[in-house]
Protein backbone atom coordinates (compact mmCIF):
# COMPACT_ATOMS: atom_id res chain seq x y z
CA MET A 1 0.25 0.17 -0.09
CA THR A 2 1.59 3.48 -1.21
CA PHE A 3 0.97 6.71 -0.02
CA GLN A 4 0.48 9.21 -2.59
CA GLU A 5 3.13 11.43 -3.86
CA GLY A 6 2.41 15.10 -2.68
CA GLY A 7 1.43 13.64 0.98
CA ASN A 8 2.67 15.62 4.06
CA PHE A 9 2.00 14.67 7.88
CA GLY A 10 2.34 17.08 10.30
CA GLY A 11 4.51 15.65 13.48
CA GLY A 12 3.24 14.95 16.98
CA ARG A 13 0.31 12.60 16.33
CA VAL A 14 2.29 9.52 18.09
CA GLN A 15 4.10 9.64 21.13
CA SER A 16 7.61 7.69 21.74
CA ARG A 17 8.04 6.20 24.73
CA ARG A 18 10.98 4.53 25.87
CA SER A 19 11.80 2.02 29.00
CA ALA A 20 14.98 2.40 30.58
CA GLY A 21 14.64 -1.25 32.50
CA GLY A 22 13.38 -4.52 32.02
CA LYS A 23 11.65 -5.15 35.50
CA GLY A 24 8.77 -7.61 35.91
CA MET A 25 9.35 -8.32 32.49
CA ALA A 26 10.18 -12.17 32.37
CA ILE A 27 7.59 -14.20 30.49
CA GLY A 28 7.08 -18.07 31.92
CA GLY A 29 4.11 -18.45 34.52
CA GLY A 30 4.29 -22.36 33.98
CA VAL A 31 4.05 -22.48 30.45
CA GLY A 32 7.45 -22.66 29.62
CA GLY A 33 8.64 -21.85 26.03
CA LEU A 34 5.22 -21.30 24.75
CA GLY A 35 4.56 -18.44 26.97
CA LEU A 36 5.07 -15.47 24.13
CA LEU A 37 1.89 -17.27 22.25
CA VAL A 38 -0.04 -18.20 25.13
CA ILE A 39 -0.01 -14.24 26.35
CA LEU A 40 -0.59 -13.32 22.77
CA ALA A 41 -3.38 -15.56 22.04
CA ILE A 42 -4.77 -13.82 25.00
CA THR A 43 -4.12 -9.90 24.27
CA LEU A 44 -3.26 -10.05 20.67
CA LEU A 45 -5.49 -6.96 19.14
CA SER A 46 -7.29 -6.75 22.05
CA GLY A 47 -10.04 -4.31 22.79
CA GLY A 48 -8.96 -3.38 26.08
CA ASN A 49 -10.57 -6.82 27.30
CA VAL A 50 -7.88 -8.01 29.68
CA ASP A 51 -4.93 -6.25 31.34
CA PRO A 52 -1.73 -7.31 30.02
CA GLY A 53 0.13 -5.93 33.26
CA ALA A 54 -1.51 -8.63 35.12
CA LEU A 55 -0.34 -11.58 32.62
CA LEU A 56 3.12 -10.39 32.28
CA GLY A 57 3.77 -8.22 35.66
CA GLY A 58 5.07 -5.48 33.44
CA GLY A 59 6.87 -2.40 34.53
CA GLY A 60 9.89 -0.74 33.90
CA GLU A 61 11.65 2.48 34.69
CA PRO A 62 10.34 5.33 32.36
CA GLY A 63 12.81 6.31 29.79
CA ASP A 64 13.29 8.87 26.81
CA ASP A 65 9.94 10.70 25.40
CA GLY A 66 9.23 12.34 22.42
CA THR A 67 6.85 12.28 19.48
CA ILE A 68 7.22 11.07 15.84
CA GLY A 69 7.97 14.16 13.62
CA ALA A 70 6.69 15.50 10.27
CA CYS A 71 6.99 12.75 7.71
CA THR A 72 6.45 13.01 3.89
CA ALA A 73 4.88 10.34 1.86
CA GLU A 74 7.82 8.78 0.67
CA GLN A 75 9.29 8.65 4.27
CA ALA A 76 5.83 7.02 5.26
CA ASN A 77 6.64 4.44 2.44
CA THR A 78 9.83 3.26 3.80
CA ASP A 79 10.09 4.04 7.92
CA ARG A 80 7.73 2.37 10.30
CA ALA A 81 7.24 4.91 12.62
CA CYS A 82 6.47 7.46 9.67
CA ARG A 83 3.74 4.88 8.42
CA LEU A 84 2.23 4.58 11.96
CA SER A 85 1.83 8.50 12.20
CA ALA A 86 0.53 8.98 8.35
CA THR A 87 -1.86 6.03 8.92
CA LEU A 88 -3.22 7.77 11.82
CA ASP A 89 -3.51 11.05 10.03
CA SER A 90 -6.01 9.08 7.41
CA LEU A 91 -7.78 7.18 9.95
CA ASP A 92 -8.73 10.61 11.78
CA THR A 93 -9.92 12.05 8.67
CA TYR A 94 -11.96 8.63 7.71
CA TRP A 95 -13.22 8.70 11.19
CA ALA A 96 -14.05 12.38 11.96
CA PRO A 97 -17.73 12.11 11.12
CA THR A 98 -18.23 9.21 13.34
CA LEU A 99 -16.33 11.07 16.00
CA ARG A 100 -18.26 14.29 15.86
CA LYS A 101 -21.67 12.26 15.97
CA ALA A 102 -20.27 10.72 19.07
CA ASP A 103 -19.19 14.06 20.61
CA ALA A 104 -15.44 12.52 20.55
CA THR A 105 -11.74 13.09 19.88
CA ILE A 106 -9.58 11.18 18.29
CA PRO A 107 -7.34 8.55 20.38
CA GLU A 108 -3.93 9.14 21.77
CA ALA A 109 -1.38 6.85 19.96
CA VAL A 110 1.93 5.43 22.17
CA GLU A 111 4.49 3.96 20.21
CA PHE A 112 6.70 2.45 22.98
CA THR A 113 9.65 -0.18 23.25
CA SER A 114 10.06 -3.03 26.20
CA ALA A 115 7.37 -1.69 28.70
CA VAL A 116 4.73 0.97 29.17
CA SER A 117 2.41 2.54 31.59
CA THR A 118 -1.42 2.84 30.98
CA ALA A 119 -4.18 3.28 32.25
CA CYS A 120 -4.98 -0.55 32.07
CA GLY A 121 -2.38 -1.14 33.88
CA ASN A 122 1.70 -2.02 32.77
CA ALA A 123 2.35 -3.70 29.74
CA SER A 124 5.40 -5.07 27.83
CA SER A 125 6.39 -5.30 24.08
CA SER A 126 5.06 -9.18 24.21
CA SER A 127 1.07 -7.91 25.07
CA GLY A 128 0.95 -7.18 21.10
CA PRO A 129 -0.90 -3.98 19.95
CA PHE A 130 -3.71 -2.87 22.10
CA TYR A 131 -6.27 -0.19 22.60
CA CYS A 132 -7.06 0.96 26.48
CA PRO A 133 -10.22 2.35 27.13
CA GLY A 134 -9.05 3.89 30.18
CA ASP A 135 -7.04 6.61 28.68
CA GLN A 136 -8.51 6.15 25.18
CA SER A 137 -5.30 5.34 23.75
CA ILE A 138 -3.49 3.04 21.21
CA TYR A 139 -0.37 0.95 22.19
CA LEU A 140 2.10 -0.88 20.64
CA ASP A 141 5.55 -1.93 19.99
CA LEU A 142 6.80 -1.52 16.55
CA GLY A 143 8.92 -4.47 16.87
CA PHE A 144 5.56 -6.52 17.30
CA PHE A 145 5.38 -6.84 12.87
CA ASP A 146 8.83 -8.92 12.88
CA LEU A 147 7.19 -11.22 15.49
CA LEU A 148 3.82 -11.68 13.70
CA THR A 149 6.39 -12.85 10.48
CA SER A 150 8.78 -14.79 12.38
CA GLN A 151 6.48 -16.52 14.85
CA PHE A 152 3.05 -16.42 13.12
CA GLY A 153 3.88 -17.04 9.41
CA ALA A 154 2.65 -14.06 8.11
CA GLN A 155 3.70 -12.60 4.58
CA GLY A 156 3.92 -8.99 6.28
CA GLY A 157 4.26 -5.92 4.38
CA PRO A 158 2.83 -2.05 4.56
CA LEU A 159 -0.78 -2.81 4.77
CA ALA A 160 -0.53 -5.64 6.59
CA GLU A 161 0.47 -3.31 9.24
CA MET A 162 -1.85 -0.31 8.59
CA TYR A 163 -4.55 -3.24 9.29
CA VAL A 164 -3.14 -3.22 12.47
CA TYR A 165 -3.51 0.36 13.18
CA ALA A 166 -7.19 0.25 11.70
CA HIS A 167 -7.91 -2.41 13.92
CA GLU A 168 -7.29 -1.02 16.86
CA TYR A 169 -8.51 2.56 16.14
CA GLY A 170 -11.75 0.42 15.60
CA HIS A 171 -11.78 -0.23 19.12
CA HIS A 172 -11.78 3.63 19.97
CA ILE A 173 -14.88 3.82 17.49
CA GLN A 174 -16.72 1.07 19.30
CA ASN A 175 -15.69 2.40 22.95
CA VAL A 176 -17.26 6.05 21.65
CA THR A 177 -20.06 4.61 20.19
CA GLY A 178 -21.06 2.65 23.16
CA VAL A 179 -20.27 -1.08 21.67
CA PHE A 180 -17.99 -1.58 24.61
CA ASP A 181 -20.67 -0.79 27.15
CA SER A 182 -23.20 -2.80 25.77
CA SER A 183 -21.26 -5.97 25.27
CA ASP A 184 -20.01 -8.37 27.43
CA ARG A 185 -16.36 -8.38 26.63
CA ARG A 186 -15.05 -10.59 29.53
CA GLY A 187 -16.51 -14.03 28.01
CA SER A 188 -15.20 -16.50 25.60
CA GLY A 189 -16.49 -18.68 23.00
CA ALA A 190 -17.25 -18.68 18.64
CA GLU A 191 -20.71 -17.05 19.40
CA SER A 192 -19.11 -14.73 22.15
CA ASP A 193 -19.48 -10.65 22.64
CA SER A 194 -15.70 -10.68 23.05
CA VAL A 195 -15.48 -12.33 19.25
CA ARG A 196 -18.29 -10.13 18.28
CA VAL A 197 -16.12 -6.93 19.40
CA GLU A 198 -12.92 -8.39 17.52
CA LEU A 199 -14.68 -8.98 14.91
CA GLN A 200 -16.48 -5.69 14.36
CA ALA A 201 -13.15 -4.37 14.39
CA ASP A 202 -11.74 -6.01 11.82
CA CYS A 203 -14.74 -4.87 9.70
CA TYR A 204 -14.48 -1.48 10.47
CA ALA A 205 -10.37 -1.67 9.39
CA GLY A 206 -11.88 -2.92 6.28
CA MET A 207 -14.12 -0.16 5.95
CA TRP A 208 -11.57 2.33 6.43
CA ALA A 209 -8.99 0.28 3.84
CA GLY A 210 -11.69 0.02 1.28
CA THR A 211 -11.83 4.23 1.09
CA ALA A 212 -8.10 5.20 1.84
CA ALA A 213 -7.26 5.43 -1.78
CA THR A 214 -10.10 8.25 -2.18
CA THR A 215 -10.16 10.07 1.13
CA LYS A 216 -8.49 13.35 0.79
CA ASP A 217 -6.04 14.76 3.09
CA PRO A 218 -8.00 17.95 4.47
CA ASP A 219 -4.10 19.90 4.52
CA THR A 220 -3.28 18.87 1.34
CA GLY A 221 -5.98 18.01 -0.70
CA VAL A 222 -3.83 14.96 -1.84
CA THR A 223 -5.67 11.44 -1.48
CA TYR A 224 -4.07 9.35 1.04
CA LEU A 225 -3.15 6.38 -0.82
CA LYS A 226 -2.99 4.76 -4.17
CA PRO A 227 -5.31 2.52 -5.21
CA ILE A 228 -4.78 -1.08 -3.34
CA THR A 229 -3.38 -3.44 -5.45
CA ALA A 230 -4.69 -7.45 -4.97
CA ASP A 231 -0.92 -8.18 -3.68
CA GLU A 232 -1.40 -5.59 -0.95
CA LEU A 233 -4.94 -6.63 -0.34
CA ALA A 234 -3.70 -9.88 0.24
CA GLN A 235 -1.14 -8.44 2.93
CA ALA A 236 -3.90 -7.46 5.54
CA ILE A 237 -6.39 -10.85 4.69
CA ASP A 238 -3.30 -12.96 5.32
CA ALA A 239 -2.39 -10.77 8.39
CA ALA A 240 -5.97 -11.22 9.79
CA GLU A 241 -5.31 -15.02 9.07
CA ALA A 242 -2.40 -15.35 11.29
CA VAL A 243 -3.92 -13.54 14.26
CA GLY A 244 -6.99 -16.19 14.19
CA ASP A 245 -7.54 -17.79 17.42
CA ASP A 246 -7.41 -21.02 15.76
CA HIS A 247 -4.46 -20.52 13.81
CA ILE A 248 -2.74 -19.37 17.24
CA GLN A 249 -3.75 -22.29 19.47
CA GLN A 250 -2.23 -24.30 16.37
CA GLN A 251 0.89 -22.33 16.53
CA SER A 252 1.37 -22.75 20.53
CA GLY A 253 0.97 -26.60 19.99
CA GLY A 254 -1.98 -26.96 21.12
CA GLY A 255 -5.33 -28.36 20.19
CA VAL A 256 -8.24 -26.09 18.57
CA ASN A 257 -10.86 -25.25 21.06
CA PRO A 258 -13.11 -22.48 20.48
CA ASP A 259 -14.83 -22.29 23.28
CA SER A 260 -11.71 -20.49 24.63
CA TRP A 261 -11.90 -17.94 21.46
CA THR A 262 -11.91 -14.44 22.32
CA HIS A 263 -10.86 -12.70 18.76
CA GLY A 264 -12.60 -15.37 16.27
CA SER A 265 -11.01 -17.76 13.40
CA SER A 266 -8.73 -17.06 11.04
CA GLU A 267 -11.67 -17.54 8.70
CA GLN A 268 -13.77 -15.14 10.25
CA ARG A 269 -11.27 -12.46 10.75
CA GLN A 270 -10.77 -12.43 7.21
CA ARG A 271 -14.13 -12.65 6.30
CA TRP A 272 -15.37 -9.67 8.43
CA PHE A 273 -12.22 -7.60 7.35
CA THR A 274 -13.46 -8.58 3.91
CA THR A 275 -16.78 -7.36 4.18
CA GLY A 276 -15.86 -4.02 5.45
CA TYR A 277 -13.58 -3.57 2.43
CA GLN A 278 -16.14 -4.49 0.43
CA GLN A 279 -19.37 -2.64 1.56
CA ARG A 280 -17.83 0.27 3.54
CA ASP A 281 -20.99 0.50 5.69
CA LEU A 282 -21.23 0.70 9.55
CA ALA A 283 -24.56 -1.55 9.36
CA ALA A 284 -22.82 -4.04 7.58
CA CYS A 285 -20.34 -4.38 10.37
CA ASP A 286 -23.09 -4.92 13.20
CA THR A 287 -21.33 -8.24 13.98
CA PHE A 288 -23.86 -8.16 16.94
CA ALA A 289 -26.82 -8.84 14.78
CA ALA A 290 -25.40 -11.39 12.70
CA THR A 291 -26.61 -14.94 13.16
CA ASP A 292 -23.77 -16.53 11.55
CA LEU A 293 -20.57 -14.86 12.29
C-alpha cells in the first residue's frame, strides 16, 4: 500500500516512549517456551478486555519520551514509525464524522519499546498492540510486526501493518459509540461478545482500507493512498488469518478449542475484514446482529 506522492503529514500525532529498564518483564508462569504464544493468544489485538500487565507483571522505569516528527509520503512508504503516523492521520480523517456524531476526540497513540504504563495497567512489548479504553489510547511496539512474520507466519507488508492500526482504531470507535458498554467483553467462545467485538473492529479496518485511496487529506487536498493492489490486499487478509484464535492455538502446539476463543477464527477475521472492505458501511459491520459469524 503506497502513500500518494505529494502527501505530507505533520508530526506530534504519535508519542514515543522508551523504557530504561526491564523490571518484571519475564515471560513464563508455568507455560515454558510457549509463554509468548499463550500471552499473545489472550491479548493480541485486544479491545482492552485484558490488562496485559496482569499477565506479564509489566513495568519498567520510564525512559526518554518524544513524538514522531513530520513525515513525507516517501518516508511513510519506507519507515515504520512514519507509516504509523501517516496511517493514523488517514484514520482520523476517515472517522471524523463518526467521532463528531459521538462528540468524541481522536484516540491518542503511543509507540513504545520494552514496556509502557497505561490506564489499563503496565504492559510489555510481548502483549502485542492493544487499545486501552481507560485513557482512550492505542499502544504498540513496532517490533511486533517482525514477530508476526517470524512466529506466526504472516507475509507482512505495509497494508498488514496498517490493518493492525486500523483494527485498534476501530476499538476506539466502539468505545466512544457505546459498543464496549453494551457488550460483555469478559467471556469467551466462538459466538461470544468478545469475538463479536473483535470481528467488528476487523470490519471497521476493512471499511477504512476500502476508502483510503479516495479519502483526501484536508490539509493538502491529496488522497492519502494510491489504489490498493491485489497483492497489497492479500497482505492484510493474510495478517487477519495469522492472528485468528485457531491459528494461534495451532502455533502454540495445542488443539483448537472454540470455547476459549476471544477474537475469532482465521476464516472469520478474514471474512469480516473483507466485508468492511467491500461494503464500507457501518450497518454491514454489525456483528452483534449477525446470526452466523
